[in-house]
Amino acid sequence: MLIAGVLSMCAALASAAFGARSLSHNRAVDATQLALRAMAPTQFAAAVMLAAGGVVALAASPPTALVLLIVCVAGAFGTLATGSCQSARFAVRQQAASPGCGGHCAVCSQSCG
């Protein structure tokens, strides 16, 4: 269980690093940047779950540790999957709601390229 605990702790550290990286994105109006930024809380939640699984794997008896480690890892993956799905839905809704070209070029102030 020592190897599983250390791997879980390393995965927790990596998830927290990706969450911090997601938060470092600037607050742009781009839907992709907003979706990446919205993933940060789920990445931090997954990091906490993985860290808890790692601590349990290192401290508890092997049969108990195995069950709890599986639960923590499954919870972390489920949290990331749900967060990714919600973030993708948010990005799609933002892109669909953004005003596009209406075809009235004589009164338009946008540069279309």
C-alpha atoms as a PDB file:
ATOM      1  CA  MET A   1       0.000   0.000   0.000  1.00  0.00           C
ATOM      2  CA  LEU A   2       3.036   2.239   0.319  1.00  0.00           C
ATOM      3  CA  ILE A   3       3.378   2.539  -3.459  1.00  0.00           C
ATOM      4  CA  ALA A   4      -0.340   3.201  -3.935  1.00  0.00           C
ATOM      5  CA  GLY A   5      -0.279   5.849  -1.208  1.00  0.00           C
ATOM      6  CA  VAL A   6       2.715   7.634  -2.680  1.00  0.00           C
ATOM      7  CA  LEU A   7       1.223   7.507  -6.190  1.00  0.00           C
ATOM      8  CA  SER A   8      -2.052   8.888  -4.885  1.00  0.00           C
ATOM      9  CA  MET A   9      -0.230  11.734  -3.154  1.00  0.00           C
ATOM     10  CA  CYS A  10       1.693  12.500  -6.364  1.00  0.00           C
ATOM     11  CA  ALA A  11      -1.568  12.521  -8.330  1.00  0.00           C
ATOM     12  CA  ALA A  12      -3.043  14.881  -5.735  1.00  0.00           C
ATOM     13  CA  LEU A  13      -0.086  17.210  -6.135  1.00  0.00           C
ATOM     14  CA  ALA A  14      -0.418  17.130  -9.925  1.00  0.00           C
ATOM     15  CA  SER A  15      -4.154  17.831  -9.752  1.00  0.00           C
ATOM     16  CA  ALA A  16      -3.569  20.777  -7.420  1.00  0.00           C
ATOM     17  CA  ALA A  17      -0.878  22.107  -9.759  1.00  0.00           C
ATOM     18  CA  PHE A  18      -3.248  21.900 -12.724  1.00  0.00           C
ATOM     19  CA  GLY A  19      -5.920  23.643 -10.648  1.00  0.00           C
ATOM     20  CA  ALA A  20      -3.516  26.454  -9.801  1.00  0.00           C
ATOM     21  CA  ARG A  21      -2.547  26.697 -13.464  1.00  0.00           C
ATOM     22  CA  SER A  22      -6.221  26.922 -14.420  1.00  0.00           C
ATOM     23  CA  LEU A  23      -6.701  29.775 -11.966  1.00  0.00           C
ATOM     24  CA  SER A  24      -3.734  31.626 -13.383  1.00  0.00           C
ATOM     25  CA  HIS A  25      -5.555  32.180 -16.679  1.00  0.00           C
ATOM     26  CA  ASN A  26      -6.679  35.757 -17.061  1.00  0.00           C
ATOM     27  CA  ARG A  27     -10.345  36.636 -16.932  1.00  0.00           C
ATOM     28  CA  ALA A  28     -10.896  37.003 -20.646  1.00  0.00           C
ATOM     29  CA  VAL A  29     -14.229  36.956 -22.401  1.00  0.00           C
ATOM     30  CA  ASP A  30     -13.084  33.972 -24.434  1.00  0.00           C
ATOM     31  CA  ALA A  31     -15.311  30.981 -23.656  1.00  0.00           C
ATOM     32  CA  THR A  32     -12.375  28.563 -23.731  1.00  0.00           C
ATOM     33  CA  GLN A  33     -10.444  30.511 -21.109  1.00  0.00           C
ATOM     34  CA  LEU A  34     -13.555  30.756 -18.939  1.00  0.00           C
ATOM     35  CA  ALA A  35     -14.128  27.005 -19.237  1.00  0.00           C
ATOM     36  CA  LEU A  36     -10.524  26.279 -18.227  1.00  0.00           C
ATOM     37  CA  ARG A  37     -10.867  28.620 -15.278  1.00  0.00           C
ATOM     38  CA  ALA A  38     -14.123  26.956 -14.259  1.00  0.00           C
ATOM     39  CA  MET A  39     -12.297  23.609 -13.991  1.00  0.00           C
ATOM     40  CA  ALA A  40     -10.088  24.818 -11.122  1.00  0.00           C
ATOM     41  CA  PRO A  41     -12.498  24.043  -8.247  1.00  0.00           C
ATOM     42  CA  THR A  42     -13.071  20.493  -9.460  1.00  0.00           C
ATOM     43  CA  GLN A  43      -9.332  19.984  -9.856  1.00  0.00           C
ATOM     44  CA  PHE A  44      -8.771  21.138  -6.284  1.00  0.00           C
ATOM     45  CA  ALA A  45     -11.589  18.872  -5.050  1.00  0.00           C
ATOM     46  CA  ALA A  46     -10.024  15.923  -6.853  1.00  0.00           C
ATOM     47  CA  ALA A  47      -6.661  16.804  -5.301  1.00  0.00           C
ATOM     48  CA  VAL A  48      -8.206  16.729  -1.824  1.00  0.00           C
ATOM     49  CA  MET A  49      -9.839  13.352  -2.510  1.00  0.00           C
ATOM     50  CA  LEU A  50      -6.612  11.871  -3.857  1.00  0.00           C
ATOM     51  CA  ALA A  51      -4.627  13.226  -0.916  1.00  0.00           C
ATOM     52  CA  ALA A  52      -7.131  11.721   1.501  1.00  0.00           C
ATOM     53  CA  GLY A  53      -6.831   8.394  -0.310  1.00  0.00           C
ATOM     54  CA  GLY A  54      -3.058   8.591  -0.119  1.00  0.00           C
ATOM     55  CA  VAL A  55      -3.084   9.305   3.601  1.00  0.00           C
ATOM     56  CA  VAL A  56      -5.484   6.426   4.231  1.00  0.00           C
ATOM     57  CA  ALA A  57      -3.361   4.094   2.099  1.00  0.00           C
ATOM     58  CA  LEU A  58      -0.292   4.982   4.147  1.00  0.00           C
ATOM     59  CA  ALA A  59      -1.935   4.872   7.581  1.00  0.00           C
ATOM     60  CA  ALA A  60      -4.678   2.222   7.604  1.00  0.00           C
ATOM     61  CA  SER A  61      -4.498  -1.545   7.522  1.00  0.00           C
ATOM     62  CA  PRO A  62      -4.185  -2.957   3.968  1.00  0.00           C
ATOM     63  CA  PRO A  63      -7.745  -4.314   3.490  1.00  0.00           C
ATOM     64  CA  THR A  64      -9.346  -1.104   4.751  1.00  0.00           C
ATOM     65  CA  ALA A  65      -6.856   1.070   2.916  1.00  0.00           C
ATOM     66  CA  LEU A  66      -7.520  -0.658  -0.395  1.00  0.00           C
ATOM     67  CA  VAL A  67     -11.274  -0.120  -0.190  1.00  0.00           C
ATOM     68  CA  LEU A  68     -10.961   3.507   0.857  1.00  0.00           C
ATOM     69  CA  LEU A  69      -8.301   4.212  -1.752  1.00  0.00           C
ATOM     70  CA  ILE A  70     -10.552   2.824  -4.486  1.00  0.00           C
ATOM     71  CA  VAL A  71     -13.437   4.973  -3.226  1.00  0.00           C
ATOM     72  CA  CYS A  72     -11.276   8.108  -3.125  1.00  0.00           C
ATOM     73  CA  VAL A  73      -9.810   7.554  -6.588  1.00  0.00           C
ATOM     74  CA  ALA A  74     -13.235   6.799  -8.072  1.00  0.00           C
ATOM     75  CA  GLY A  75     -14.626   9.923  -6.413  1.00  0.00           C
ATOM     76  CA  ALA A  76     -11.792  12.034  -7.777  1.00  0.00           C
ATOM     77  CA  PHE A  77     -12.305  10.735 -11.321  1.00  0.00           C
ATOM     78  CA  GLY A  78     -16.052  11.228 -11.024  1.00  0.00           C
ATOM     79  CA  THR A  79     -15.551  14.785  -9.796  1.00  0.00           C
ATOM     80  CA  LEU A  80     -13.209  15.587 -12.682  1.00  0.00           C
ATOM     81  CA  ALA A  81     -15.560  14.029 -15.224  1.00  0.00           C
ATOM     82  CA  THR A  82     -18.560  15.943 -13.907  1.00  0.00           C
ATOM     83  CA  GLY A  83     -16.593  19.184 -13.745  1.00  0.00           C
ATOM     84  CA  SER A  84     -15.340  18.717 -17.299  1.00  0.00           C
ATOM     85  CA  CYS A  85     -18.862  18.070 -18.548  1.00  0.00           C
ATOM     86  CA  GLN A  86     -20.232  21.148 -16.775  1.00  0.00           C
ATOM     87  CA  SER A  87     -17.360  23.292 -18.017  1.00  0.00           C
ATOM     88  CA  ALA A  88     -17.899  22.132 -21.602  1.00  0.00           C
ATOM     89  CA  ARG A  89     -21.616  22.871 -21.366  1.00  0.00           C
ATOM     90  CA  PHE A  90     -20.821  26.327 -20.032  1.00  0.00           C
ATOM     91  CA  ALA A  91     -18.428  27.015 -22.908  1.00  0.00           C
ATOM     92  CA  VAL A  92     -20.963  25.847 -25.494  1.00  0.00           C
ATOM     93  CA  ARG A  93     -23.678  28.029 -23.948  1.00  0.00           C
ATOM     94  CA  GLN A  94     -21.340  31.030 -23.910  1.00  0.00           C
ATOM     95  CA  GLN A  95     -20.420  30.580 -27.563  1.00  0.00           C
ATOM     96  CA  ALA A  96     -24.047  30.114 -28.568  1.00  0.00           C
ATOM     97  CA  ALA A  97     -25.098  33.250 -26.685  1.00  0.00           C
ATOM     98  CA  SER A  98     -22.374  35.467 -28.137  1.00  0.00           C
ATOM     99  CA  PRO A  99     -23.669  37.807 -30.796  1.00  0.00           C
ATOM    100  CA  GLY A 100     -22.523  36.901 -34.248  1.00  0.00           C
ATOM    101  CA  CYS A 101     -22.536  38.783 -37.471  1.00  0.00           C
ATOM    102  CA  GLY A 102     -26.010  39.885 -38.432  1.00  0.00           C
ATOM    103  CA  GLY A 103     -25.104  40.608 -42.031  1.00  0.00           C
ATOM    104  CA  HIS A 104     -25.566  44.394 -41.674  1.00  0.00           C
ATOM    105  CA  CYS A 105     -22.082  45.422 -42.676  1.00  0.00           C
ATOM    106  CA  ALA A 106     -22.894  49.073 -43.434  1.00  0.00           C
ATOM    107  CA  VAL A 107     -23.632  49.853 -39.778  1.00  0.00           C
ATOM    108  CA  CYS A 108     -21.296  47.321 -38.180  1.00  0.00           C
ATOM    109  CA  SER A 109     -18.303  48.456 -36.164  1.00  0.00           C
ATOM    110  CA  GLN A 110     -16.691  44.991 -35.925  1.00  0.00           C
ATOM    111  CA  SER A 111     -13.676  44.086 -37.993  1.00  0.00           C
ATOM    112  CA  CYS A 112     -14.522  40.842 -39.743  1.00  0.00           C
ATOM    113  CA  GLY A 113     -11.114  40.186 -41.118  1.00  0.00           C
END
